[in-house]
C-alpha atoms as a PDB file:
ATOM      1  CA  MET A   1     131.427 173.477 176.559  1.00  0.00           C
ATOM      2  CA  ALA A   2     131.338 176.675 175.285  1.00  0.00           C
ATOM      3  CA  GLU A   3     128.788 177.024 173.005  1.00  0.00           C
ATOM      4  CA  SER A   4     130.522 178.753 170.223  1.00  0.00           C
ATOM      5  CA  ASN A   5     132.800 175.534 170.389  1.00  0.00           C
ATOM      6  CA  PHE A   6     130.302 173.351 170.013  1.00  0.00           C
ATOM      7  CA  VAL A   7     130.095 172.168 166.192  1.00  0.00           C
ATOM      8  CA  ASP A   8     127.651 169.390 164.979  1.00  0.00           C
ATOM      9  CA  TYR A   9     128.030 169.850 160.961  1.00  0.00           C
ATOM     10  CA  VAL A  10     130.844 170.620 159.136  1.00  0.00           C
ATOM     11  CA  ARG A  11     130.912 170.562 155.029  1.00  0.00           C
ATOM     12  CA  ILE A  12     134.333 169.657 154.043  1.00  0.00           C
ATOM     13  CA  HIS A  13     135.739 169.533 150.129  1.00  0.00           C
ATOM     14  CA  CYS A  14     137.856 166.600 149.830  1.00  0.00           C
ATOM     15  CA  LYS A  15     140.650 165.068 147.168  1.00  0.00           C
ATOM     16  CA  SER A  16     142.144 161.856 147.424  1.00  0.00           C
ATOM     17  CA  GLY A  17     145.723 161.123 146.045  1.00  0.00           C
ATOM     18  CA  ASN A  18     146.443 160.449 142.071  1.00  0.00           C
ATOM     19  CA  GLY A  19     148.079 156.864 141.711  1.00  0.00           C
ATOM     20  CA  GLY A  20     151.395 156.714 140.615  1.00  0.00           C
ATOM     21  CA  SER A  21     152.044 155.474 137.046  1.00  0.00           C
ATOM     22  CA  GLY A  22     153.462 152.134 136.195  1.00  0.00           C
ATOM     23  CA  SER A  23     157.230 151.875 134.829  1.00  0.00           C
ATOM     24  CA  ALA A  24     157.763 150.742 131.596  1.00  0.00           C
ATOM     25  CA  HIS A  25     161.552 150.080 132.099  1.00  0.00           C
ATOM     26  CA  MET A  26     163.158 147.326 130.187  1.00  0.00           C
ATOM     27  CA  ARG A  27     166.251 145.658 132.201  1.00  0.00           C
ATOM     28  CA  ARG A  28     169.803 146.906 131.337  1.00  0.00           C
ATOM     29  CA  GLU A  29     172.951 144.887 132.704  1.00  0.00           C
ATOM     30  CA  LYS A  30     176.257 144.630 131.387  1.00  0.00           C
ATOM     31  CA  PHE A  31     176.261 141.848 129.191  1.00  0.00           C
ATOM     32  CA  VAL A  32     172.480 141.344 129.266  1.00  0.00           C
ATOM     33  CA  ALA A  33     171.912 142.870 125.686  1.00  0.00           C
ATOM     34  CA  PHE A  34     168.220 142.522 125.693  1.00  0.00           C
ATOM     35  CA  GLY A  35     166.805 142.325 129.471  1.00  0.00           C
ATOM     36  CA  GLY A  36     163.053 141.906 129.610  1.00  0.00           C
ATOM     37  CA  PRO A  37     160.661 144.061 131.226  1.00  0.00           C
ATOM     38  CA  ASP A  38     161.351 145.178 134.459  1.00  0.00           C
ATOM     39  CA  GLY A  39     159.089 148.143 135.326  1.00  0.00           C
ATOM     40  CA  GLY A  40     157.561 148.617 138.871  1.00  0.00           C
ATOM     41  CA  ASP A  41     153.818 149.497 139.946  1.00  0.00           C
ATOM     42  CA  GLY A  42     152.879 152.735 140.662  1.00  0.00           C
ATOM     43  CA  GLY A  43     152.009 153.508 144.284  1.00  0.00           C
ATOM     44  CA  ARG A  44     148.632 154.117 145.621  1.00  0.00           C
ATOM     45  CA  GLY A  45     147.390 157.252 145.818  1.00  0.00           C
ATOM     46  CA  GLY A  46     146.798 158.676 149.621  1.00  0.00           C
ATOM     47  CA  HIS A  47     143.158 158.052 151.612  1.00  0.00           C
ATOM     48  CA  ILE A  48     141.035 160.692 153.345  1.00  0.00           C
ATOM     49  CA  ILE A  49     140.234 158.700 156.430  1.00  0.00           C
ATOM     50  CA  LEU A  50     138.297 159.344 159.409  1.00  0.00           C
ATOM     51  CA  GLU A  51     139.061 158.194 162.766  1.00  0.00           C
ATOM     52  CA  GLY A  52     137.243 157.888 166.027  1.00  0.00           C
ATOM     53  CA  ASN A  53     138.628 159.554 168.956  1.00  0.00           C
ATOM     54  CA  GLU A  54     136.612 159.420 172.005  1.00  0.00           C
ATOM     55  CA  GLN A  55     138.195 162.484 173.668  1.00  0.00           C
ATOM     56  CA  MET A  56     136.568 164.514 171.200  1.00  0.00           C
ATOM     57  CA  TRP A  57     132.959 166.159 171.287  1.00  0.00           C
ATOM     58  CA  THR A  58     132.634 168.692 168.646  1.00  0.00           C
ATOM     59  CA  LEU A  59     133.439 168.999 164.864  1.00  0.00           C
ATOM     60  CA  LEU A  60     135.055 172.324 165.726  1.00  0.00           C
ATOM     61  CA  HIS A  61     138.535 171.661 164.514  1.00  0.00           C
ATOM     62  CA  LEU A  62     137.196 170.890 160.786  1.00  0.00           C
ATOM     63  CA  LYS A  63     134.941 173.881 160.545  1.00  0.00           C
ATOM     64  CA  PHE A  64     137.420 176.187 158.837  1.00  0.00           C
ATOM     65  CA  ARG A  65     139.299 173.412 157.320  1.00  0.00           C
ATOM     66  CA  LYS A  66     137.115 173.337 154.256  1.00  0.00           C
ATOM     67  CA  HIS A  67     139.582 171.369 151.879  1.00  0.00           C
ATOM     68  CA  ILE A  68     141.792 168.639 152.424  1.00  0.00           C
ATOM     69  CA  LYS A  69     143.520 166.977 149.780  1.00  0.00           C
ATOM     70  CA  ALA A  70     145.743 163.743 150.235  1.00  0.00           C
ATOM     71  CA  GLY A  71     149.026 163.075 148.682  1.00  0.00           C
ATOM     72  CA  ASN A  72     150.002 161.394 145.428  1.00  0.00           C
ATOM     73  CA  GLY A  73     151.655 158.086 144.988  1.00  0.00           C
ATOM     74  CA  ASP A  74     155.211 157.882 143.277  1.00  0.00           C
ATOM     75  CA  PRO A  75     155.374 156.112 139.810  1.00  0.00           C
ATOM     76  CA  GLY A  76     156.766 152.577 139.881  1.00  0.00           C
ATOM     77  CA  GLY A  77     160.741 151.872 138.785  1.00  0.00           C
ATOM     78  CA  LYS A  78     163.090 149.626 137.594  1.00  0.00           C
ATOM     79  CA  GLN A  79     164.072 146.148 138.703  1.00  0.00           C
ATOM     80  CA  ARG A  80     160.235 145.694 139.549  1.00  0.00           C
ATOM     81  CA  SER A  81     160.220 148.445 142.471  1.00  0.00           C
ATOM     82  CA  SER A  82     157.178 149.679 143.841  1.00  0.00           C
ATOM     83  CA  GLY A  83     156.502 153.350 144.026  1.00  0.00           C
ATOM     84  CA  ALA A  84     155.649 154.990 147.771  1.00  0.00           C
ATOM     85  CA  ASP A  85     152.270 155.412 148.445  1.00  0.00           C
ATOM     86  CA  GLY A  86     150.698 158.807 148.994  1.00  0.00           C
ATOM     87  CA  GLU A  87     150.563 160.117 152.218  1.00  0.00           C
ATOM     88  CA  ASP A  88     147.045 159.728 153.914  1.00  0.00           C
ATOM     89  CA  ILE A  89     145.016 162.201 155.886  1.00  0.00           C
ATOM     90  CA  VAL A  90     143.423 161.264 158.933  1.00  0.00           C
ATOM     91  CA  LEU A  91     140.926 163.408 160.637  1.00  0.00           C
ATOM     92  CA  ASP A  92     140.060 162.581 164.246  1.00  0.00           C
ATOM     93  CA  VAL A  93     136.213 162.595 164.633  1.00  0.00           C
ATOM     94  CA  PRO A  94     134.058 162.437 167.951  1.00  0.00           C
ATOM     95  CA  LEU A  95     132.550 158.946 168.356  1.00  0.00           C
ATOM     96  CA  GLY A  96     128.881 159.152 166.394  1.00  0.00           C
ATOM     97  CA  THR A  97     130.007 161.569 163.301  1.00  0.00           C
ATOM     98  CA  ILE A  98     127.706 160.265 160.365  1.00  0.00           C
ATOM     99  CA  ALA A  99     129.290 161.031 157.040  1.00  0.00           C
ATOM    100  CA  ARG A 100     127.235 161.464 153.740  1.00  0.00           C
ATOM    101  CA  ASP A 101     127.892 162.654 150.352  1.00  0.00           C
ATOM    102  CA  VAL A 102     126.798 166.019 149.575  1.00  0.00           C
ATOM    103  CA  GLU A 103     125.443 165.332 146.065  1.00  0.00           C
ATOM    104  CA  THR A 104     123.683 162.214 146.345  1.00  0.00           C
ATOM    105  CA  GLY A 105     122.574 162.493 150.254  1.00  0.00           C
ATOM    106  CA  GLU A 106     124.021 159.059 150.338  1.00  0.00           C
ATOM    107  CA  PHE A 107     124.673 157.703 153.586  1.00  0.00           C
ATOM    108  CA  LEU A 108     128.402 156.448 153.608  1.00  0.00           C
ATOM    109  CA  PHE A 109     129.166 155.210 157.163  1.00  0.00           C
ATOM    110  CA  GLU A 110     129.184 155.975 161.029  1.00  0.00           C
ATOM    111  CA  ILE A 111     131.961 156.278 163.327  1.00  0.00           C
ATOM    112  CA  THR A 112     131.207 154.839 167.223  1.00  0.00           C
ATOM    113  CA  LYS A 113     134.062 153.097 168.656  1.00  0.00           C
ATOM    114  CA  HIS A 114     137.339 154.852 169.584  1.00  0.00           C
ATOM    115  CA  GLY A 115     140.541 153.967 167.208  1.00  0.00           C
ATOM    116  CA  GLU A 116     137.845 152.986 164.557  1.00  0.00           C
ATOM    117  CA  ARG A 117     138.921 154.150 161.140  1.00  0.00           C
ATOM    118  CA  LYS A 118     136.847 154.233 157.924  1.00  0.00           C
ATOM    119  CA  ILE A 119     138.266 155.451 154.367  1.00  0.00           C
ATOM    120  CA  LEU A 120     135.659 158.880 153.587  1.00  0.00           C
ATOM    121  CA  VAL A 121     137.577 158.959 150.028  1.00  0.00           C
ATOM    122  CA  ALA A 122     139.717 156.099 148.606  1.00  0.00           C
ATOM    123  CA  GLY A 123     143.009 157.380 146.785  1.00  0.00           C
ATOM    124  CA  GLY A 124     143.440 156.129 142.997  1.00  0.00           C
ATOM    125  CA  ARG A 125     145.224 152.794 142.457  1.00  0.00           C
ATOM    126  CA  GLY A 126     148.244 152.796 141.120  1.00  0.00           C
ATOM    127  CA  GLY A 127     149.225 151.541 137.778  1.00  0.00           C
ATOM    128  CA  LEU A 128     150.936 148.224 136.913  1.00  0.00           C
ATOM    129  CA  GLY A 129     154.091 148.142 135.340  1.00  0.00           C
ATOM    130  CA  ASN A 130     155.343 146.929 131.706  1.00  0.00           C
ATOM    131  CA  ASP A 131     156.573 143.686 133.691  1.00  0.00           C
ATOM    132  CA  HIS A 132     152.784 142.420 134.138  1.00  0.00           C
ATOM    133  CA  PHE A 133     152.212 142.614 130.743  1.00  0.00           C
ATOM    134  CA  LYS A 134     154.867 140.408 129.513  1.00  0.00           C
ATOM    135  CA  SER A 135     153.644 136.968 127.861  1.00  0.00           C
ATOM    136  CA  ALA A 136     155.062 134.545 125.257  1.00  0.00           C
ATOM    137  CA  THR A 137     153.740 136.335 121.846  1.00  0.00           C
ATOM    138  CA  ASN A 138     155.163 139.752 123.481  1.00  0.00           C
ATOM    139  CA  GLN A 139     158.035 139.405 125.391  1.00  0.00           C
ATOM    140  CA  ALA A 140     159.225 143.104 125.540  1.00  0.00           C
ATOM    141  CA  PRO A 141     155.921 145.059 126.331  1.00  0.00           C
ATOM    142  CA  ARG A 142     157.449 149.079 126.072  1.00  0.00           C
ATOM    143  CA  TYR A 143     154.268 150.433 127.958  1.00  0.00           C
ATOM    144  CA  ALA A 144     152.518 150.604 131.196  1.00  0.00           C
ATOM    145  CA  GLN A 145     149.503 151.457 133.119  1.00  0.00           C
ATOM    146  CA  PRO A 146     149.089 155.110 134.206  1.00  0.00           C
ATOM    147  CA  GLY A 147     147.607 155.411 137.699  1.00  0.00           C
ATOM    148  CA  GLU A 148     143.996 156.266 138.851  1.00  0.00           C
ATOM    149  CA  ASP A 149     142.830 159.507 139.576  1.00  0.00           C
ATOM    150  CA  GLY A 150     141.918 160.421 143.029  1.00  0.00           C
ATOM    151  CA  ILE A 151     138.095 161.100 143.992  1.00  0.00           C
ATOM    152  CA  GLU A 152     137.001 164.332 144.845  1.00  0.00           C
ATOM    153  CA  GLY A 153     133.689 165.892 146.077  1.00  0.00           C
ATOM    154  CA  TRP A 154     132.151 167.720 148.717  1.00  0.00           C
ATOM    155  CA  LYS A 155     131.232 165.614 152.001  1.00  0.00           C
ATOM    156  CA  THR A 156     129.311 166.582 154.891  1.00  0.00           C
ATOM    157  CA  LEU A 157     130.169 165.144 158.709  1.00  0.00           C
ATOM    158  CA  GLU A 158     127.425 165.210 161.052  1.00  0.00           C
ATOM    159  CA  LEU A 159     127.627 164.294 164.922  1.00  0.00           C
ATOM    160  CA  LYS A 160     124.843 162.531 166.731  1.00  0.00           C
ATOM    161  CA  VAL A 161     126.126 162.939 170.744  1.00  0.00           C
ATOM    162  CA  LEU A 162     126.282 159.263 172.137  1.00  0.00           C
ATOM    163  CA  ALA A 163     124.673 159.243 175.491  1.00  0.00           C
ATOM    164  CA  ASP A 164     123.035 156.669 177.711  1.00  0.00           C
ATOM    165  CA  VAL A 165     120.166 158.996 178.687  1.00  0.00           C
ATOM    166  CA  GLY A 166     118.962 162.034 177.175  1.00  0.00           C
ATOM    167  CA  LEU A 167     116.977 164.670 178.603  1.00  0.00           C
ATOM    168  CA  VAL A 168     113.861 165.570 176.391  1.00  0.00           C
ATOM    169  CA  GLY A 169     111.215 168.342 177.403  1.00  0.00           C
ATOM    170  CA  PHE A 170     109.762 171.200 176.504  1.00  0.00           C
ATOM    171  CA  PRO A 171     112.248 174.786 177.090  1.00  0.00           C
ATOM    172  CA  SER A 172     112.954 175.815 181.127  1.00  0.00           C
ATOM    173  CA  SER A 173     111.793 172.171 181.882  1.00  0.00           C
ATOM    174  CA  GLY A 174     114.371 172.285 184.367  1.00  0.00           C
ATOM    175  CA  LYS A 175     117.067 169.657 182.333  1.00  0.00           C
ATOM    176  CA  SER A 176     119.874 171.796 182.506  1.00  0.00           C
ATOM    177  CA  THR A 177     119.332 172.094 185.915  1.00  0.00           C
ATOM    178  CA  LEU A 178     119.132 168.363 186.561  1.00  0.00           C
ATOM    179  CA  LEU A 179     122.349 167.879 184.836  1.00  0.00           C
ATOM    180  CA  SER A 180     124.492 170.478 186.919  1.00  0.00           C
ATOM    181  CA  VAL A 181     123.061 168.870 189.746  1.00  0.00           C
ATOM    182  CA  VAL A 182     123.802 165.389 189.035  1.00  0.00           C
ATOM    183  CA  SER A 183     126.680 165.878 187.286  1.00  0.00           C
ATOM    184  CA  ALA A 184     129.784 168.274 187.103  1.00  0.00           C
ATOM    185  CA  ALA A 185     128.665 169.762 183.728  1.00  0.00           C
ATOM    186  CA  LYS A 186     128.044 173.564 184.018  1.00  0.00           C
ATOM    187  CA  PRO A 187     125.086 174.398 181.394  1.00  0.00           C
ATOM    188  CA  LYS A 188     123.772 177.477 180.883  1.00  0.00           C
ATOM    189  CA  ILE A 189     121.041 178.232 182.902  1.00  0.00           C
ATOM    190  CA  ALA A 190     118.426 180.671 183.089  1.00  0.00           C
ATOM    191  CA  GLU A 191     114.465 181.761 183.636  1.00  0.00           C
ATOM    192  CA  TYR A 192     113.754 182.122 179.537  1.00  0.00           C
ATOM    193  CA  HIS A 193     113.181 179.553 176.624  1.00  0.00           C
ATOM    194  CA  PHE A 194     116.500 178.106 174.944  1.00  0.00           C
ATOM    195  CA  THR A 195     119.009 178.887 177.326  1.00  0.00           C
ATOM    196  CA  THR A 196     120.445 175.910 175.942  1.00  0.00           C
ATOM    197  CA  LEU A 197     121.843 176.092 172.072  1.00  0.00           C
ATOM    198  CA  VAL A 198     123.608 172.890 171.978  1.00  0.00           C
ATOM    199  CA  PRO A 199     123.725 169.564 173.861  1.00  0.00           C
ATOM    200  CA  ASN A 200     125.337 169.432 177.068  1.00  0.00           C
ATOM    201  CA  LEU A 201     127.022 166.204 178.422  1.00  0.00           C
ATOM    202  CA  GLY A 202     127.535 165.399 182.132  1.00  0.00           C
ATOM    203  CA  ILE A 203     129.048 161.924 183.637  1.00  0.00           C
ATOM    204  CA  VAL A 204     126.581 160.827 186.446  1.00  0.00           C
ATOM    205  CA  GLY A 205     128.111 159.099 189.456  1.00  0.00           C
ATOM    206  CA  HIS A 206     126.013 156.229 191.104  1.00  0.00           C
ATOM    207  CA  ARG A 207     125.912 154.184 193.868  1.00  0.00           C
ATOM    208  CA  GLU A 208     129.201 151.654 193.913  1.00  0.00           C
ATOM    209  CA  LYS A 209     131.464 153.808 191.544  1.00  0.00           C
ATOM    210  CA  HIS A 210     129.027 153.195 188.634  1.00  0.00           C
ATOM    211  CA  SER A 211     128.318 155.924 186.175  1.00  0.00           C
ATOM    212  CA  PHE A 212     126.403 156.752 182.957  1.00  0.00           C
ATOM    213  CA  ILE A 213     126.755 159.794 180.817  1.00  0.00           C
ATOM    214  CA  MET A 214     123.544 162.189 180.505  1.00  0.00           C
ATOM    215  CA  ALA A 215     122.760 164.754 177.712  1.00  0.00           C
ATOM    216  CA  ASP A 216     120.815 168.036 178.017  1.00  0.00           C
ATOM    217  CA  ILE A 217     119.372 168.356 174.941  1.00  0.00           C
ATOM    218  CA  PRO A 218     117.985 171.874 173.560  1.00  0.00           C
ATOM    219  CA  GLY A 219     114.492 171.683 174.321  1.00  0.00           C
ATOM    220  CA  ILE A 220     111.861 170.855 172.104  1.00  0.00           C
ATOM    221  CA  ILE A 221     108.614 172.688 171.433  1.00  0.00           C
ATOM    222  CA  GLU A 222     105.730 171.750 169.031  1.00  0.00           C
ATOM    223  CA  GLY A 223     106.288 171.884 165.517  1.00  0.00           C
ATOM    224  CA  ALA A 224     109.894 170.719 166.268  1.00  0.00           C
ATOM    225  CA  HIS A 225     110.137 168.037 163.817  1.00  0.00           C
ATOM    226  CA  GLU A 226     108.681 170.485 160.878  1.00  0.00           C
ATOM    227  CA  GLY A 227     112.061 172.822 162.253  1.00  0.00           C
ATOM    228  CA  LYS A 228     110.051 175.198 164.358  1.00  0.00           C
ATOM    229  CA  GLY A 229     112.310 176.278 167.323  1.00  0.00           C
ATOM    230  CA  LEU A 230     115.584 174.699 166.886  1.00  0.00           C
ATOM    231  CA  GLY A 231     113.674 172.150 165.164  1.00  0.00           C
ATOM    232  CA  LEU A 232     115.769 169.537 163.110  1.00  0.00           C
ATOM    233  CA  ARG A 233     119.111 169.928 164.328  1.00  0.00           C
ATOM    234  CA  PHE A 234     118.658 168.734 167.710  1.00  0.00           C
ATOM    235  CA  LEU A 235     116.278 166.329 167.220  1.00  0.00           C
ATOM    236  CA  ARG A 236     118.860 163.664 165.506  1.00  0.00           C
ATOM    237  CA  HIS A 237     120.695 163.869 168.808  1.00  0.00           C
ATOM    238  CA  ILE A 238     118.453 161.955 170.736  1.00  0.00           C
ATOM    239  CA  GLU A 239     118.700 159.268 168.274  1.00  0.00           C
ATOM    240  CA  ARG A 240     122.128 157.961 169.784  1.00  0.00           C
ATOM    241  CA  ASN A 241     120.619 157.725 173.352  1.00  0.00           C
ATOM    242  CA  SER A 242     119.875 154.908 174.972  1.00  0.00           C
ATOM    243  CA  MET A 243     117.539 155.275 177.033  1.00  0.00           C
ATOM    244  CA  LEU A 244     114.988 159.072 177.323  1.00  0.00           C
ATOM    245  CA  LEU A 245     113.917 160.725 180.468  1.00  0.00           C
ATOM    246  CA  PHE A 246     111.074 162.809 179.341  1.00  0.00           C
ATOM    247  CA  MET A 247     110.837 165.918 181.765  1.00  0.00           C
ATOM    248  CA  VAL A 248     107.482 168.067 182.279  1.00  0.00           C
ATOM    249  CA  PRO A 249     107.978 170.808 184.815  1.00  0.00           C
ATOM    250  CA  ALA A 250     105.294 170.364 188.016  1.00  0.00           C
ATOM    251  CA  ASP A 251     103.906 174.286 186.859  1.00  0.00           C
ATOM    252  CA  SER A 252     102.552 172.813 183.460  1.00  0.00           C
ATOM    253  CA  GLU A 253      99.228 173.373 182.988  1.00  0.00           C
ATOM    254  CA  ASP A 254      98.481 170.114 181.537  1.00  0.00           C
ATOM    255  CA  HIS A 255     101.181 167.209 182.260  1.00  0.00           C
ATOM    256  CA  LEU A 256      99.770 164.746 180.343  1.00  0.00           C
ATOM    257  CA  LYS A 257      99.298 167.018 177.101  1.00  0.00           C
ATOM    258  CA  GLU A 258     102.989 168.557 177.387  1.00  0.00           C
ATOM    259  CA  TYR A 259     104.449 164.288 177.702  1.00  0.00           C
ATOM    260  CA  ASN A 260     102.031 163.422 174.602  1.00  0.00           C
ATOM    261  CA  ILE A 261     103.239 166.321 172.578  1.00  0.00           C
ATOM    262  CA  LEU A 262     106.613 165.486 173.340  1.00  0.00           C
ATOM    263  CA  LEU A 263     105.843 162.354 172.234  1.00  0.00           C
ATOM    264  CA  ASN A 264     104.157 163.388 168.989  1.00  0.00           C
ATOM    265  CA  GLU A 265     107.222 165.164 167.816  1.00  0.00           C
ATOM    266  CA  LEU A 266     109.714 162.341 168.386  1.00  0.00           C
ATOM    267  CA  GLU A 267     107.535 159.956 166.360  1.00  0.00           C
ATOM    268  CA  LYS A 268     106.712 162.277 163.471  1.00  0.00           C
ATOM    269  CA  TYR A 269     110.543 162.913 163.370  1.00  0.00           C
ATOM    270  CA  ASN A 270     111.302 159.256 163.686  1.00  0.00           C
ATOM    271  CA  PRO A 271     108.670 156.552 164.823  1.00  0.00           C
ATOM    272  CA  GLU A 272     111.684 154.517 165.632  1.00  0.00           C
ATOM    273  CA  LEU A 273     112.671 156.411 168.840  1.00  0.00           C
ATOM    274  CA  LEU A 274     109.671 155.201 170.540  1.00  0.00           C
ATOM    275  CA  ASP A 275     111.187 151.847 170.991  1.00  0.00           C
ATOM    276  CA  LYS A 276     113.935 153.467 173.191  1.00  0.00           C
ATOM    277  CA  GLN A 277     113.306 152.655 177.000  1.00  0.00           C
ATOM    278  CA  ARG A 278     111.483 155.848 178.454  1.00  0.00           C
ATOM    279  CA  TYR A 279     110.420 157.379 181.868  1.00  0.00           C
ATOM    280  CA  LEU A 280     109.040 160.457 182.802  1.00  0.00           C
ATOM    281  CA  GLY A 281     109.969 162.877 185.343  1.00  0.00           C
ATOM    282  CA  ILE A 282     107.774 165.564 186.997  1.00  0.00           C
ATOM    283  CA  SER A 283     110.466 168.563 187.656  1.00  0.00           C
ATOM    284  CA  LYS A 284     110.240 171.121 190.426  1.00  0.00           C
ATOM    285  CA  ALA A 285     108.542 168.846 192.775  1.00  0.00           C
ATOM    286  CA  ASP A 286     109.161 171.527 195.311  1.00  0.00           C
ATOM    287  CA  MET A 287     106.417 173.399 194.371  1.00  0.00           C
ATOM    288  CA  LEU A 288     103.756 170.874 195.207  1.00  0.00           C
ATOM    289  CA  ASP A 289     102.199 169.366 198.043  1.00  0.00           C
ATOM    290  CA  ASP A 290     100.809 165.632 198.451  1.00  0.00           C
ATOM    291  CA  GLU A 291      97.274 166.410 197.148  1.00  0.00           C
ATOM    292  CA  LEU A 292      98.705 168.036 193.984  1.00  0.00           C
ATOM    293  CA  MET A 293     100.853 165.141 193.560  1.00  0.00           C
ATOM    294  CA  GLU A 294      98.171 162.263 193.751  1.00  0.00           C
ATOM    295  CA  GLU A 295      96.212 164.543 191.500  1.00  0.00           C
ATOM    296  CA  ILE A 296      98.989 164.508 189.068  1.00  0.00           C
ATOM    297  CA  SER A 297      99.696 160.630 189.103  1.00  0.00           C
ATOM    298  CA  THR A 298      96.046 160.243 188.652  1.00  0.00           C
ATOM    299  CA  GLU A 299      95.860 162.199 185.377  1.00  0.00           C
ATOM    300  CA  LEU A 300      99.129 160.727 184.466  1.00  0.00           C
ATOM    301  CA  GLY A 301      97.556 157.050 185.076  1.00  0.00           C
ATOM    302  CA  ASP A 302      99.803 153.850 184.050  1.00  0.00           C
ATOM    303  CA  ILE A 303     102.647 156.065 182.797  1.00  0.00           C
ATOM    304  CA  PRO A 304     105.767 155.110 184.993  1.00  0.00           C
ATOM    305  CA  HIS A 305     106.787 158.657 186.770  1.00  0.00           C
ATOM    306  CA  LEU A 306     108.831 160.075 189.825  1.00  0.00           C
ATOM    307  CA  PHE A 307     108.696 163.690 191.109  1.00  0.00           C
ATOM    308  CA  PHE A 308     111.989 165.294 191.879  1.00  0.00           C
ATOM    309  CA  SER A 309     113.509 168.530 192.473  1.00  0.00           C
ATOM    310  CA  SER A 310     116.737 169.461 191.535  1.00  0.00           C
ATOM    311  CA  VAL A 311     116.737 172.671 193.817  1.00  0.00           C
ATOM    312  CA  THR A 312     115.847 170.890 197.121  1.00  0.00           C
ATOM    313  CA  GLY A 313     117.049 167.480 196.202  1.00  0.00           C
ATOM    314  CA  LYS A 314     113.999 165.870 196.838  1.00  0.00           C
ATOM    315  CA  ASN A 315     114.070 162.165 195.185  1.00  0.00           C
ATOM    316  CA  ILE A 316     117.450 162.623 192.974  1.00  0.00           C
ATOM    317  CA  GLN A 317     118.825 159.755 194.090  1.00  0.00           C
ATOM    318  CA  GLN A 318     115.526 157.631 193.420  1.00  0.00           C
ATOM    319  CA  LEU A 319     115.736 159.229 190.059  1.00  0.00           C
ATOM    320  CA  LYS A 320     119.394 157.844 189.532  1.00  0.00           C
ATOM    321  CA  ASP A 321     118.495 154.495 191.132  1.00  0.00           C
ATOM    322  CA  LYS A 322     115.678 154.403 188.444  1.00  0.00           C
ATOM    323  CA  ILE A 323     117.822 155.602 185.234  1.00  0.00           C
ATOM    324  CA  TRP A 324     120.257 152.711 186.389  1.00  0.00           C
ATOM    325  CA  GLU A 325     117.259 149.992 186.371  1.00  0.00           C
ATOM    326  CA  ILE A 326     116.721 150.825 183.031  1.00  0.00           C
ATOM    327  CA  LEU A 327     119.644 151.347 181.682  1.00  0.00           C
ATOM    328  CA  ASN A 328     120.642 147.694 182.692  1.00  0.00           C
ATOM    329  CA  SER A 329     117.345 145.883 182.552  1.00  0.00           C
END
């Protein structure tokens, strides 16, 4: 996915439709001098609706569509005929999209399933016709209820990437390289920090025709929970992963310290992230001999880990086996 095409946050102005007014019509027929009220109800104003679409990965299509307006309901008619409802506006969004109100910051809902529909802004109710207001003491009401106005306001949509495995590590820890080796994804790879500026997703094939989705999350640095580096913008994507694969490169000066910094950043951002299943991969293991690997293992103590190399393919299958085991535990 091109970086310029990945949009995970948009702000849109929404205006739902006004409800149609009820009718105050009185029945008029030949040979019926004083027919009673027969005014119909007004139609409902159009809703603005979000619908989950599993084929979408970005909110790009809404980036330049800032104002969204639904149709108004039609007024009621004679013979108790109701007005037509206003046209609904249905916006397709990727799974993992969260809707919030801009003014209050209130969380509204989240779209997590394909085809799931939720109303972002409800249309105004149609007014009742005069037929509803007749009574024993008022048999010919000549009034009806006006329709409700639609709702207008700014909403934010933010996307949290849905994936089975999230790759967590400092910049240049080998996350993009691993994703490119185990899947058909083609993330940008280079020997400098912040090569990855957007989350990249790849489908990883496993034994016996199984598969899982892996997400390469842009690199974390110390202080990311305070907005440093790429900061909070991408930490939220980690919240939607079933498990986290921490990655520390073999050439790190202090593997345990780097691992603990990553844990600390996640905890400060959202302590619940530490409840997720996690595993540690020591990448670029082609740089290590057996003696160095043993030394690093001693340093890591009882932290479950595996040495692997995306360049040589060392232990790549074992890593996929371990991920599959954790996902299905």
